[in-house]
Amino acid sequence: QGKDPFAPVAKDQMCTQQHGGNATAHITGTWQGQDVDAHFTRTNGCE
């Protein structure tokens, strides 16, 4: 689909202010020949 699943949420993105829990994730390595170092949370609707 041409998507980068490791891209962060854009800084100017408007997000709903809901809390999806305390889960966190950190993904490192390589994907599609690119280095990956991505952090994930569930702190708002975008995340």
ModelCIF file with pLDDT and N, C-alpha, C, O atoms, coordinates in Angstrom:
data_MODEL
#
_entry.id   MODEL 
#
_entity.id                         1 
_entity.type                       polymer 
_entity.pdbx_number_of_molecules   1 
#
_entity_poly.entity_id                      1 
_entity_poly.type                           'polypeptide(L)' 
_entity_poly.nstd_linkage                   no 
_entity_poly.nstd_monomer                   no 
_entity_poly.pdbx_seq_one_letter_code       QGKDPFAPVAKDQMCTQQHGGNATAHITGTWQGQDVDAHFTRTNGCE 
_entity_poly.pdbx_seq_one_letter_code_can   QGKDPFAPVAKDQMCTQQHGGNATAHITGTWQGQDVDAHFTRTNGCE 
_entity_poly.pdbx_strand_id                 A 
#
loop_
_entity_poly_seq.entity_id 
_entity_poly_seq.num 
_entity_poly_seq.mon_id 
_entity_poly_seq.hetero 
1 1  GLN n 
1 2  GLY n 
1 3  LYS n 
1 4  ASP n 
1 5  PRO n 
1 6  PHE n 
1 7  ALA n 
1 8  PRO n 
1 9  VAL n 
1 10 ALA n 
1 11 LYS n 
1 12 ASP n 
1 13 GLN n 
1 14 MET n 
1 15 CYS n 
1 16 THR n 
1 17 GLN n 
1 18 GLN n 
1 19 HIS n 
1 20 GLY n 
1 21 GLY n 
1 22 ASN n 
1 23 ALA n 
1 24 THR n 
1 25 ALA n 
1 26 HIS n 
1 27 ILE n 
1 28 THR n 
1 29 GLY n 
1 30 THR n 
1 31 TRP n 
1 32 GLN n 
1 33 GLY n 
1 34 GLN n 
1 35 ASP n 
1 36 VAL n 
1 37 ASP n 
1 38 ALA n 
1 39 HIS n 
1 40 PHE n 
1 41 THR n 
1 42 ARG n 
1 43 THR n 
1 44 ASN n 
1 45 GLY n 
1 46 CYS n 
1 47 GLU n 
#
_struct_asym.id          A 
_struct_asym.entity_id   1 
#
loop_
_ma_qa_metric.id 
_ma_qa_metric.mode 
_ma_qa_metric.name 
_ma_qa_metric.software_group_id 
_ma_qa_metric.type 
1 global pLDDT . pLDDT 
2 local  pLDDT . pLDDT 
#
_ma_qa_metric_global.metric_id      1 
_ma_qa_metric_global.metric_value   95.09 
_ma_qa_metric_global.model_id       1 
_ma_qa_metric_global.ordinal_id     1 
#
loop_
_ma_qa_metric_local.label_asym_id 
_ma_qa_metric_local.label_comp_id 
_ma_qa_metric_local.label_seq_id 
_ma_qa_metric_local.metric_id 
_ma_qa_metric_local.metric_value 
_ma_qa_metric_local.model_id 
_ma_qa_metric_local.ordinal_id 
A GLN 1  2 94.00 1 1  
A GLY 2  2 94.00 1 2  
A LYS 3  2 93.00 1 3  
A ASP 4  2 95.00 1 4  
A PRO 5  2 94.00 1 5  
A PHE 6  2 97.00 1 6  
A ALA 7  2 95.00 1 7  
A PRO 8  2 96.00 1 8  
A VAL 9  2 95.00 1 9  
A ALA 10 2 94.00 1 10 
A LYS 11 2 92.00 1 11 
A ASP 12 2 94.00 1 12 
A GLN 13 2 94.00 1 13 
A MET 14 2 95.00 1 14 
A CYS 15 2 95.00 1 15 
A THR 16 2 95.00 1 16 
A GLN 17 2 93.00 1 17 
A GLN 18 2 93.00 1 18 
A HIS 19 2 91.00 1 19 
A GLY 20 2 92.00 1 20 
A GLY 21 2 92.00 1 21 
A ASN 22 2 94.00 1 22 
A ALA 23 2 96.00 1 23 
A THR 24 2 97.00 1 24 
A ALA 25 2 97.00 1 25 
A HIS 26 2 98.00 1 26 
A ILE 27 2 98.00 1 27 
A THR 28 2 98.00 1 28 
A GLY 29 2 97.00 1 29 
A THR 30 2 96.00 1 30 
A TRP 31 2 95.00 1 31 
A GLN 32 2 92.00 1 32 
A GLY 33 2 92.00 1 33 
A GLN 34 2 93.00 1 34 
A ASP 35 2 96.00 1 35 
A VAL 36 2 97.00 1 36 
A ASP 37 2 98.00 1 37 
A ALA 38 2 98.00 1 38 
A HIS 39 2 98.00 1 39 
A PHE 40 2 97.00 1 40 
A THR 41 2 96.00 1 41 
A ARG 42 2 96.00 1 42 
A THR 43 2 94.00 1 43 
A ASN 44 2 95.00 1 44 
A GLY 45 2 96.00 1 45 
A CYS 46 2 96.00 1 46 
A GLU 47 2 96.00 1 47 
#
loop_
_atom_site.group_PDB 
_atom_site.id 
_atom_site.type_symbol 
_atom_site.label_atom_id 
_atom_site.label_alt_id 
_atom_site.label_comp_id 
_atom_site.label_asym_id 
_atom_site.label_entity_id 
_atom_site.label_seq_id 
_atom_site.pdbx_PDB_ins_code 
_atom_site.Cartn_x 
_atom_site.Cartn_y 
_atom_site.Cartn_z 
_atom_site.occupancy 
_atom_site.B_iso_or_equiv 
_atom_site.pdbx_formal_charge 
_atom_site.auth_seq_id 
_atom_site.auth_comp_id 
_atom_site.auth_asym_id 
_atom_site.auth_atom_id 
_atom_site.pdbx_PDB_model_num 
ATOM 1   N N  . GLN A 1 1  ? 0.816  -1.216 0.000  1.00 94.00 ? 1  GLN A N  1 
ATOM 2   C CA . GLN A 1 1  ? 0.000  0.000  0.000  1.00 94.00 ? 1  GLN A CA 1 
ATOM 3   C C  . GLN A 1 1  ? 0.851  1.267  0.000  1.00 94.00 ? 1  GLN A C  1 
ATOM 4   O O  . GLN A 1 1  ? 0.320  2.376  -0.061 1.00 94.00 ? 1  GLN A O  1 
ATOM 5   N N  . GLY A 1 2  ? 2.164  1.101  0.068  1.00 94.00 ? 2  GLY A N  1 
ATOM 6   C CA . GLY A 1 2  ? 3.056  2.255  0.079  1.00 94.00 ? 2  GLY A CA 1 
ATOM 7   C C  . GLY A 1 2  ? 3.050  3.014  1.394  1.00 94.00 ? 2  GLY A C  1 
ATOM 8   O O  . GLY A 1 2  ? 3.414  4.190  1.433  1.00 94.00 ? 2  GLY A O  1 
ATOM 9   N N  . LYS A 1 3  ? 2.642  2.359  2.469  1.00 93.00 ? 3  LYS A N  1 
ATOM 10  C CA . LYS A 1 3  ? 2.578  3.000  3.783  1.00 93.00 ? 3  LYS A CA 1 
ATOM 11  C C  . LYS A 1 3  ? 3.847  2.742  4.584  1.00 93.00 ? 3  LYS A C  1 
ATOM 12  O O  . LYS A 1 3  ? 4.470  1.688  4.460  1.00 93.00 ? 3  LYS A O  1 
ATOM 13  N N  . ASP A 1 4  ? 4.217  3.708  5.401  1.00 95.00 ? 4  ASP A N  1 
ATOM 14  C CA . ASP A 1 4  ? 5.317  3.533  6.348  1.00 95.00 ? 4  ASP A CA 1 
ATOM 15  C C  . ASP A 1 4  ? 4.694  3.372  7.731  1.00 95.00 ? 4  ASP A C  1 
ATOM 16  O O  . ASP A 1 4  ? 4.309  4.365  8.348  1.00 95.00 ? 4  ASP A O  1 
ATOM 17  N N  . PRO A 1 5  ? 4.587  2.143  8.229  1.00 94.00 ? 5  PRO A N  1 
ATOM 18  C CA . PRO A 1 5  ? 3.924  1.920  9.513  1.00 94.00 ? 5  PRO A CA 1 
ATOM 19  C C  . PRO A 1 5  ? 4.720  2.440  10.702 1.00 94.00 ? 5  PRO A C  1 
ATOM 20  O O  . PRO A 1 5  ? 4.216  2.468  11.824 1.00 94.00 ? 5  PRO A O  1 
ATOM 21  N N  . PHE A 1 6  ? 5.956  2.851  10.462 1.00 97.00 ? 6  PHE A N  1 
ATOM 22  C CA . PHE A 1 6  ? 6.807  3.305  11.552 1.00 97.00 ? 6  PHE A CA 1 
ATOM 23  C C  . PHE A 1 6  ? 6.932  4.819  11.611 1.00 97.00 ? 6  PHE A C  1 
ATOM 24  O O  . PHE A 1 6  ? 7.603  5.352  12.493 1.00 97.00 ? 6  PHE A O  1 
ATOM 25  N N  . ALA A 1 7  ? 6.295  5.511  10.686 1.00 95.00 ? 7  ALA A N  1 
ATOM 26  C CA . ALA A 1 7  ? 6.333  6.973  10.688 1.00 95.00 ? 7  ALA A CA 1 
ATOM 27  C C  . ALA A 1 7  ? 5.567  7.497  11.901 1.00 95.00 ? 7  ALA A C  1 
ATOM 28  O O  . ALA A 1 7  ? 4.509  6.971  12.245 1.00 95.00 ? 7  ALA A O  1 
ATOM 29  N N  . PRO A 1 8  ? 6.104  8.536  12.551 1.00 96.00 ? 8  PRO A N  1 
ATOM 30  C CA . PRO A 1 8  ? 5.387  9.098  13.695 1.00 96.00 ? 8  PRO A CA 1 
ATOM 31  C C  . PRO A 1 8  ? 4.164  9.899  13.231 1.00 96.00 ? 8  PRO A C  1 
ATOM 32  O O  . PRO A 1 8  ? 4.038  10.242 12.056 1.00 96.00 ? 8  PRO A O  1 
ATOM 33  N N  . VAL A 1 9  ? 3.290  10.181 14.160 1.00 95.00 ? 9  VAL A N  1 
ATOM 34  C CA . VAL A 1 9  ? 2.148  11.048 13.882 1.00 95.00 ? 9  VAL A CA 1 
ATOM 35  C C  . VAL A 1 9  ? 2.690  12.444 13.584 1.00 95.00 ? 9  VAL A C  1 
ATOM 36  O O  . VAL A 1 9  ? 3.575  12.932 14.287 1.00 95.00 ? 9  VAL A O  1 
ATOM 37  N N  . ALA A 1 10 ? 2.168  13.077 12.557 1.00 94.00 ? 10 ALA A N  1 
ATOM 38  C CA . ALA A 1 10 ? 2.611  14.428 12.194 1.00 94.00 ? 10 ALA A CA 1 
ATOM 39  C C  . ALA A 1 10 ? 2.397  15.385 13.363 1.00 94.00 ? 10 ALA A C  1 
ATOM 40  O O  . ALA A 1 10 ? 1.388  15.307 14.064 1.00 94.00 ? 10 ALA A O  1 
ATOM 41  N N  . LYS A 1 11 ? 3.342  16.273 13.562 1.00 92.00 ? 11 LYS A N  1 
ATOM 42  C CA . LYS A 1 11 ? 3.291  17.222 14.695 1.00 92.00 ? 11 LYS A CA 1 
ATOM 43  C C  . LYS A 1 11 ? 2.033  18.090 14.667 1.00 92.00 ? 11 LYS A C  1 
ATOM 44  O O  . LYS A 1 11 ? 1.499  18.437 15.721 1.00 92.00 ? 11 LYS A O  1 
ATOM 45  N N  . ASP A 1 12 ? 1.553  18.445 13.463 1.00 94.00 ? 12 ASP A N  1 
ATOM 46  C CA . ASP A 1 12 ? 0.388  19.324 13.364 1.00 94.00 ? 12 ASP A CA 1 
ATOM 47  C C  . ASP A 1 12 ? -0.932 18.562 13.226 1.00 94.00 ? 12 ASP A C  1 
ATOM 48  O O  . ASP A 1 12 ? -1.970 19.168 12.959 1.00 94.00 ? 12 ASP A O  1 
ATOM 49  N N  . GLN A 1 13 ? -0.899 17.254 13.405 1.00 94.00 ? 13 GLN A N  1 
ATOM 50  C CA . GLN A 1 13 ? -2.102 16.429 13.294 1.00 94.00 ? 13 GLN A CA 1 
ATOM 51  C C  . GLN A 1 13 ? -3.031 16.673 14.486 1.00 94.00 ? 13 GLN A C  1 
ATOM 52  O O  . GLN A 1 13 ? -2.595 16.630 15.636 1.00 94.00 ? 13 GLN A O  1 
ATOM 53  N N  . MET A 1 14 ? -4.296 16.926 14.210 1.00 95.00 ? 14 MET A N  1 
ATOM 54  C CA . MET A 1 14 ? -5.279 17.064 15.294 1.00 95.00 ? 14 MET A CA 1 
ATOM 55  C C  . MET A 1 14 ? -5.731 15.673 15.708 1.00 95.00 ? 14 MET A C  1 
ATOM 56  O O  . MET A 1 14 ? -6.104 14.864 14.859 1.00 95.00 ? 14 MET A O  1 
ATOM 57  N N  . CYS A 1 15 ? -5.700 15.386 17.005 1.00 95.00 ? 15 CYS A N  1 
ATOM 58  C CA . CYS A 1 15 ? -6.020 14.057 17.513 1.00 95.00 ? 15 CYS A CA 1 
ATOM 59  C C  . CYS A 1 15 ? -7.056 14.160 18.627 1.00 95.00 ? 15 CYS A C  1 
ATOM 60  O O  . CYS A 1 15 ? -7.048 15.106 19.415 1.00 95.00 ? 15 CYS A O  1 
ATOM 61  N N  . THR A 1 16 ? -7.938 13.184 18.677 1.00 95.00 ? 16 THR A N  1 
ATOM 62  C CA . THR A 1 16 ? -8.898 13.154 19.775 1.00 95.00 ? 16 THR A CA 1 
ATOM 63  C C  . THR A 1 16 ? -8.150 12.934 21.075 1.00 95.00 ? 16 THR A C  1 
ATOM 64  O O  . THR A 1 16 ? -7.152 12.214 21.110 1.00 95.00 ? 16 THR A O  1 
ATOM 65  N N  . GLN A 1 17 ? -8.617 13.534 22.112 1.00 93.00 ? 17 GLN A N  1 
ATOM 66  C CA . GLN A 1 17 ? -7.977 13.413 23.422 1.00 93.00 ? 17 GLN A CA 1 
ATOM 67  C C  . GLN A 1 17 ? -8.642 12.296 24.206 1.00 93.00 ? 17 GLN A C  1 
ATOM 68  O O  . GLN A 1 17 ? -9.460 12.532 25.095 1.00 93.00 ? 17 GLN A O  1 
ATOM 69  N N  . GLN A 1 18 ? -8.275 11.089 23.857 1.00 93.00 ? 18 GLN A N  1 
ATOM 70  C CA . GLN A 1 18 ? -8.749 9.906  24.560 1.00 93.00 ? 18 GLN A CA 1 
ATOM 71  C C  . GLN A 1 18 ? -7.536 9.110  24.976 1.00 93.00 ? 18 GLN A C  1 
ATOM 72  O O  . GLN A 1 18 ? -6.481 9.193  24.348 1.00 93.00 ? 18 GLN A O  1 
ATOM 73  N N  . HIS A 1 19 ? -7.684 8.352  26.017 1.00 91.00 ? 19 HIS A N  1 
ATOM 74  C CA . HIS A 1 19 ? -6.561 7.569  26.515 1.00 91.00 ? 19 HIS A CA 1 
ATOM 75  C C  . HIS A 1 19 ? -6.846 6.105  26.249 1.00 91.00 ? 19 HIS A C  1 
ATOM 76  O O  . HIS A 1 19 ? -7.873 5.576  26.675 1.00 91.00 ? 19 HIS A O  1 
ATOM 77  N N  . GLY A 1 20 ? -5.939 5.454  25.546 1.00 92.00 ? 20 GLY A N  1 
ATOM 78  C CA . GLY A 1 20 ? -6.143 4.059  25.171 1.00 92.00 ? 20 GLY A CA 1 
ATOM 79  C C  . GLY A 1 20 ? -5.399 3.078  26.041 1.00 92.00 ? 20 GLY A C  1 
ATOM 80  O O  . GLY A 1 20 ? -5.290 1.902  25.697 1.00 92.00 ? 20 GLY A O  1 
ATOM 81  N N  . GLY A 1 21 ? -4.880 3.546  27.172 1.00 92.00 ? 21 GLY A N  1 
ATOM 82  C CA . GLY A 1 21 ? -4.172 2.650  28.075 1.00 92.00 ? 21 GLY A CA 1 
ATOM 83  C C  . GLY A 1 21 ? -2.705 3.011  28.169 1.00 92.00 ? 21 GLY A C  1 
ATOM 84  O O  . GLY A 1 21 ? -2.231 3.949  27.528 1.00 92.00 ? 21 GLY A O  1 
ATOM 85  N N  . ASN A 1 22 ? -1.998 2.246  28.983 1.00 94.00 ? 22 ASN A N  1 
ATOM 86  C CA . ASN A 1 22 ? -0.595 2.530  29.268 1.00 94.00 ? 22 ASN A CA 1 
ATOM 87  C C  . ASN A 1 22 ? 0.387  1.761  28.393 1.00 94.00 ? 22 ASN A C  1 
ATOM 88  O O  . ASN A 1 22 ? 1.596  1.824  28.618 1.00 94.00 ? 22 ASN A O  1 
ATOM 89  N N  . ALA A 1 23 ? -0.111 1.047  27.413 1.00 96.00 ? 23 ALA A N  1 
ATOM 90  C CA . ALA A 1 23 ? 0.761  0.225  26.576 1.00 96.00 ? 23 ALA A CA 1 
ATOM 91  C C  . ALA A 1 23 ? 1.777  1.078  25.841 1.00 96.00 ? 23 ALA A C  1 
ATOM 92  O O  . ALA A 1 23 ? 1.469  2.169  25.360 1.00 96.00 ? 23 ALA A O  1 
ATOM 93  N N  . THR A 1 24 ? 3.001  0.557  25.764 1.00 97.00 ? 24 THR A N  1 
ATOM 94  C CA . THR A 1 24 ? 4.051  1.178  24.962 1.00 97.00 ? 24 THR A CA 1 
ATOM 95  C C  . THR A 1 24 ? 4.727  0.086  24.152 1.00 97.00 ? 24 THR A C  1 
ATOM 96  O O  . THR A 1 24 ? 4.710  -1.089 24.518 1.00 97.00 ? 24 THR A O  1 
ATOM 97  N N  . ALA A 1 25 ? 5.321  0.504  23.041 1.00 97.00 ? 25 ALA A N  1 
ATOM 98  C CA . ALA A 1 25 ? 6.077  -0.429 22.216 1.00 97.00 ? 25 ALA A CA 1 
ATOM 99  C C  . ALA A 1 25 ? 7.243  0.317  21.588 1.00 97.00 ? 25 ALA A C  1 
ATOM 100 O O  . ALA A 1 25 ? 7.167  1.513  21.307 1.00 97.00 ? 25 ALA A O  1 
ATOM 101 N N  . HIS A 1 26 ? 8.300  -0.409 21.381 1.00 98.00 ? 26 HIS A N  1 
ATOM 102 C CA . HIS A 1 26 ? 9.489  0.128  20.718 1.00 98.00 ? 26 HIS A CA 1 
ATOM 103 C C  . HIS A 1 26 ? 9.909  -0.903 19.683 1.00 98.00 ? 26 HIS A C  1 
ATOM 104 O O  . HIS A 1 26 ? 10.130 -2.069 20.011 1.00 98.00 ? 26 HIS A O  1 
ATOM 105 N N  . ILE A 1 27 ? 10.018 -0.471 18.438 1.00 98.00 ? 27 ILE A N  1 
ATOM 106 C CA . ILE A 1 27 ? 10.394 -1.373 17.360 1.00 98.00 ? 27 ILE A CA 1 
ATOM 107 C C  . ILE A 1 27 ? 11.686 -0.854 16.735 1.00 98.00 ? 27 ILE A C  1 
ATOM 108 O O  . ILE A 1 27 ? 11.780 0.309  16.342 1.00 98.00 ? 27 ILE A O  1 
ATOM 109 N N  . THR A 1 28 ? 12.675 -1.736 16.652 1.00 98.00 ? 28 THR A N  1 
ATOM 110 C CA . THR A 1 28 ? 13.951 -1.392 16.021 1.00 98.00 ? 28 THR A CA 1 
ATOM 111 C C  . THR A 1 28 ? 14.305 -2.464 15.004 1.00 98.00 ? 28 THR A C  1 
ATOM 112 O O  . THR A 1 28 ? 13.782 -3.578 15.050 1.00 98.00 ? 28 THR A O  1 
ATOM 113 N N  . GLY A 1 29 ? 15.184 -2.120 14.102 1.00 97.00 ? 29 GLY A N  1 
ATOM 114 C CA . GLY A 1 29 ? 15.655 -3.078 13.116 1.00 97.00 ? 29 GLY A CA 1 
ATOM 115 C C  . GLY A 1 29 ? 15.659 -2.492 11.733 1.00 97.00 ? 29 GLY A C  1 
ATOM 116 O O  . GLY A 1 29 ? 15.933 -1.306 11.549 1.00 97.00 ? 29 GLY A O  1 
ATOM 117 N N  . THR A 1 30 ? 15.349 -3.335 10.742 1.00 96.00 ? 30 THR A N  1 
ATOM 118 C CA . THR A 1 30 ? 15.270 -2.882 9.359  1.00 96.00 ? 30 THR A CA 1 
ATOM 119 C C  . THR A 1 30 ? 13.980 -3.389 8.735  1.00 96.00 ? 30 THR A C  1 
ATOM 120 O O  . THR A 1 30 ? 13.517 -4.492 9.023  1.00 96.00 ? 30 THR A O  1 
ATOM 121 N N  . TRP A 1 31 ? 13.414 -2.552 7.873  1.00 95.00 ? 31 TRP A N  1 
ATOM 122 C CA . TRP A 1 31 ? 12.199 -2.884 7.140  1.00 95.00 ? 31 TRP A CA 1 
ATOM 123 C C  . TRP A 1 31 ? 12.295 -2.204 5.784  1.00 95.00 ? 31 TRP A C  1 
ATOM 124 O O  . TRP A 1 31 ? 12.541 -1.001 5.699  1.00 95.00 ? 31 TRP A O  1 
ATOM 125 N N  . GLN A 1 32 ? 12.101 -2.974 4.733  1.00 92.00 ? 32 GLN A N  1 
ATOM 126 C CA . GLN A 1 32 ? 12.182 -2.452 3.372  1.00 92.00 ? 32 GLN A CA 1 
ATOM 127 C C  . GLN A 1 32 ? 13.520 -1.745 3.126  1.00 92.00 ? 32 GLN A C  1 
ATOM 128 O O  . GLN A 1 32 ? 13.577 -0.749 2.406  1.00 92.00 ? 32 GLN A O  1 
ATOM 129 N N  . GLY A 1 33 ? 14.583 -2.262 3.722  1.00 92.00 ? 33 GLY A N  1 
ATOM 130 C CA . GLY A 1 33 ? 15.906 -1.699 3.533  1.00 92.00 ? 33 GLY A CA 1 
ATOM 131 C C  . GLY A 1 33 ? 16.182 -0.428 4.325  1.00 92.00 ? 33 GLY A C  1 
ATOM 132 O O  . GLY A 1 33 ? 17.241 0.180  4.165  1.00 92.00 ? 33 GLY A O  1 
ATOM 133 N N  . GLN A 1 34 ? 15.256 -0.023 5.166  1.00 93.00 ? 34 GLN A N  1 
ATOM 134 C CA . GLN A 1 34 ? 15.403 1.201  5.958  1.00 93.00 ? 34 GLN A CA 1 
ATOM 135 C C  . GLN A 1 34 ? 15.559 0.856  7.434  1.00 93.00 ? 34 GLN A C  1 
ATOM 136 O O  . GLN A 1 34 ? 14.964 -0.103 7.926  1.00 93.00 ? 34 GLN A O  1 
ATOM 137 N N  . ASP A 1 35 ? 16.365 1.649  8.131  1.00 96.00 ? 35 ASP A N  1 
ATOM 138 C CA . ASP A 1 35 ? 16.483 1.482  9.577  1.00 96.00 ? 35 ASP A CA 1 
ATOM 139 C C  . ASP A 1 35 ? 15.189 1.901  10.256 1.00 96.00 ? 35 ASP A C  1 
ATOM 140 O O  . ASP A 1 35 ? 14.550 2.872  9.852  1.00 96.00 ? 35 ASP A O  1 
ATOM 141 N N  . VAL A 1 36 ? 14.814 1.165  11.284 1.00 97.00 ? 36 VAL A N  1 
ATOM 142 C CA . VAL A 1 36 ? 13.600 1.446  12.044 1.00 97.00 ? 36 VAL A CA 1 
ATOM 143 C C  . VAL A 1 36 ? 13.983 1.680  13.499 1.00 97.00 ? 36 VAL A C  1 
ATOM 144 O O  . VAL A 1 36 ? 14.752 0.912  14.079 1.00 97.00 ? 36 VAL A O  1 
ATOM 145 N N  . ASP A 1 37 ? 13.445 2.740  14.081 1.00 98.00 ? 37 ASP A N  1 
ATOM 146 C CA . ASP A 1 37 ? 13.554 3.026  15.509 1.00 98.00 ? 37 ASP A CA 1 
ATOM 147 C C  . ASP A 1 37 ? 12.300 3.807  15.872 1.00 98.00 ? 37 ASP A C  1 
ATOM 148 O O  . ASP A 1 37 ? 12.317 5.037  15.926 1.00 98.00 ? 37 ASP A O  1 
ATOM 149 N N  . ALA A 1 38 ? 11.213 3.084  16.122 1.00 98.00 ? 38 ALA A N  1 
ATOM 150 C CA . ALA A 1 38 ? 9.904  3.706  16.303 1.00 98.00 ? 38 ALA A CA 1 
ATOM 151 C C  . ALA A 1 38 ? 9.329  3.401  17.675 1.00 98.00 ? 38 ALA A C  1 
ATOM 152 O O  . ALA A 1 38 ? 9.455  2.287  18.186 1.00 98.00 ? 38 ALA A O  1 
ATOM 153 N N  . HIS A 1 39 ? 8.698  4.404  18.261 1.00 98.00 ? 39 HIS A N  1 
ATOM 154 C CA . HIS A 1 39 ? 8.034  4.271  19.561 1.00 98.00 ? 39 HIS A CA 1 
ATOM 155 C C  . HIS A 1 39 ? 6.528  4.403  19.357 1.00 98.00 ? 39 HIS A C  1 
ATOM 156 O O  . HIS A 1 39 ? 6.062  5.215  18.556 1.00 98.00 ? 39 HIS A O  1 
ATOM 157 N N  . PHE A 1 40 ? 5.785  3.598  20.089 1.00 97.00 ? 40 PHE A N  1 
ATOM 158 C CA . PHE A 1 40 ? 4.328  3.592  19.998 1.00 97.00 ? 40 PHE A CA 1 
ATOM 159 C C  . PHE A 1 40 ? 3.736  3.724  21.393 1.00 97.00 ? 40 PHE A C  1 
ATOM 160 O O  . PHE A 1 40 ? 4.251  3.158  22.357 1.00 97.00 ? 40 PHE A O  1 
ATOM 161 N N  . THR A 1 41 ? 2.648  4.478  21.487 1.00 96.00 ? 41 THR A N  1 
ATOM 162 C CA . THR A 1 41 ? 1.874  4.604  22.721 1.00 96.00 ? 41 THR A CA 1 
ATOM 163 C C  . THR A 1 41 ? 0.405  4.564  22.342 1.00 96.00 ? 41 THR A C  1 
ATOM 164 O O  . THR A 1 41 ? 0.061  4.404  21.171 1.00 96.00 ? 41 THR A O  1 
ATOM 165 N N  . ARG A 1 42 ? -0.453 4.707  23.328 1.00 96.00 ? 42 ARG A N  1 
ATOM 166 C CA . ARG A 1 42 ? -1.893 4.773  23.081 1.00 96.00 ? 42 ARG A CA 1 
ATOM 167 C C  . ARG A 1 42 ? -2.462 5.984  23.827 1.00 96.00 ? 42 ARG A C  1 
ATOM 168 O O  . ARG A 1 42 ? -3.515 5.904  24.459 1.00 96.00 ? 42 ARG A O  1 
ATOM 169 N N  . THR A 1 43 ? -1.737 7.113  23.737 1.00 94.00 ? 43 THR A N  1 
ATOM 170 C CA . THR A 1 43 ? -2.068 8.290  24.538 1.00 94.00 ? 43 THR A CA 1 
ATOM 171 C C  . THR A 1 43 ? -3.118 9.206  23.933 1.00 94.00 ? 43 THR A C  1 
ATOM 172 O O  . THR A 1 43 ? -3.630 10.085 24.626 1.00 94.00 ? 43 THR A O  1 
ATOM 173 N N  . ASN A 1 44 ? -3.453 9.029  22.669 1.00 95.00 ? 44 ASN A N  1 
ATOM 174 C CA . ASN A 1 44 ? -4.520 9.830  22.052 1.00 95.00 ? 44 ASN A CA 1 
ATOM 175 C C  . ASN A 1 44 ? -5.061 9.067  20.845 1.00 95.00 ? 44 ASN A C  1 
ATOM 176 O O  . ASN A 1 44 ? -4.558 7.999  20.497 1.00 95.00 ? 44 ASN A O  1 
ATOM 177 N N  . GLY A 1 45 ? -6.088 9.627  20.212 1.00 96.00 ? 45 GLY A N  1 
ATOM 178 C CA . GLY A 1 45 ? -6.724 8.931  19.096 1.00 96.00 ? 45 GLY A CA 1 
ATOM 179 C C  . GLY A 1 45 ? -5.784 8.615  17.946 1.00 96.00 ? 45 GLY A C  1 
ATOM 180 O O  . GLY A 1 45 ? -5.893 7.552  17.335 1.00 96.00 ? 45 GLY A O  1 
ATOM 181 N N  . CYS A 1 46 ? -4.869 9.516  17.642 1.00 96.00 ? 46 CYS A N  1 
ATOM 182 C CA . CYS A 1 46 ? -3.914 9.273  16.550 1.00 96.00 ? 46 CYS A CA 1 
ATOM 183 C C  . CYS A 1 46 ? -2.959 8.139  16.882 1.00 96.00 ? 46 CYS A C  1 
ATOM 184 O O  . CYS A 1 46 ? -2.677 7.287  16.039 1.00 96.00 ? 46 CYS A O  1 
ATOM 185 N N  . GLU A 1 47 ? -2.465 8.133  18.106 1.00 96.00 ? 47 GLU A N  1 
ATOM 186 C CA . GLU A 1 47 ? -1.534 7.078  18.510 1.00 96.00 ? 47 GLU A CA 1 
ATOM 187 C C  . GLU A 1 47 ? -2.233 5.727  18.614 1.00 96.00 ? 47 GLU A C  1 
ATOM 188 O O  . GLU A 1 47 ? -1.595 4.726  18.944 1.00 96.00 ? 47 GLU A O  1 
#
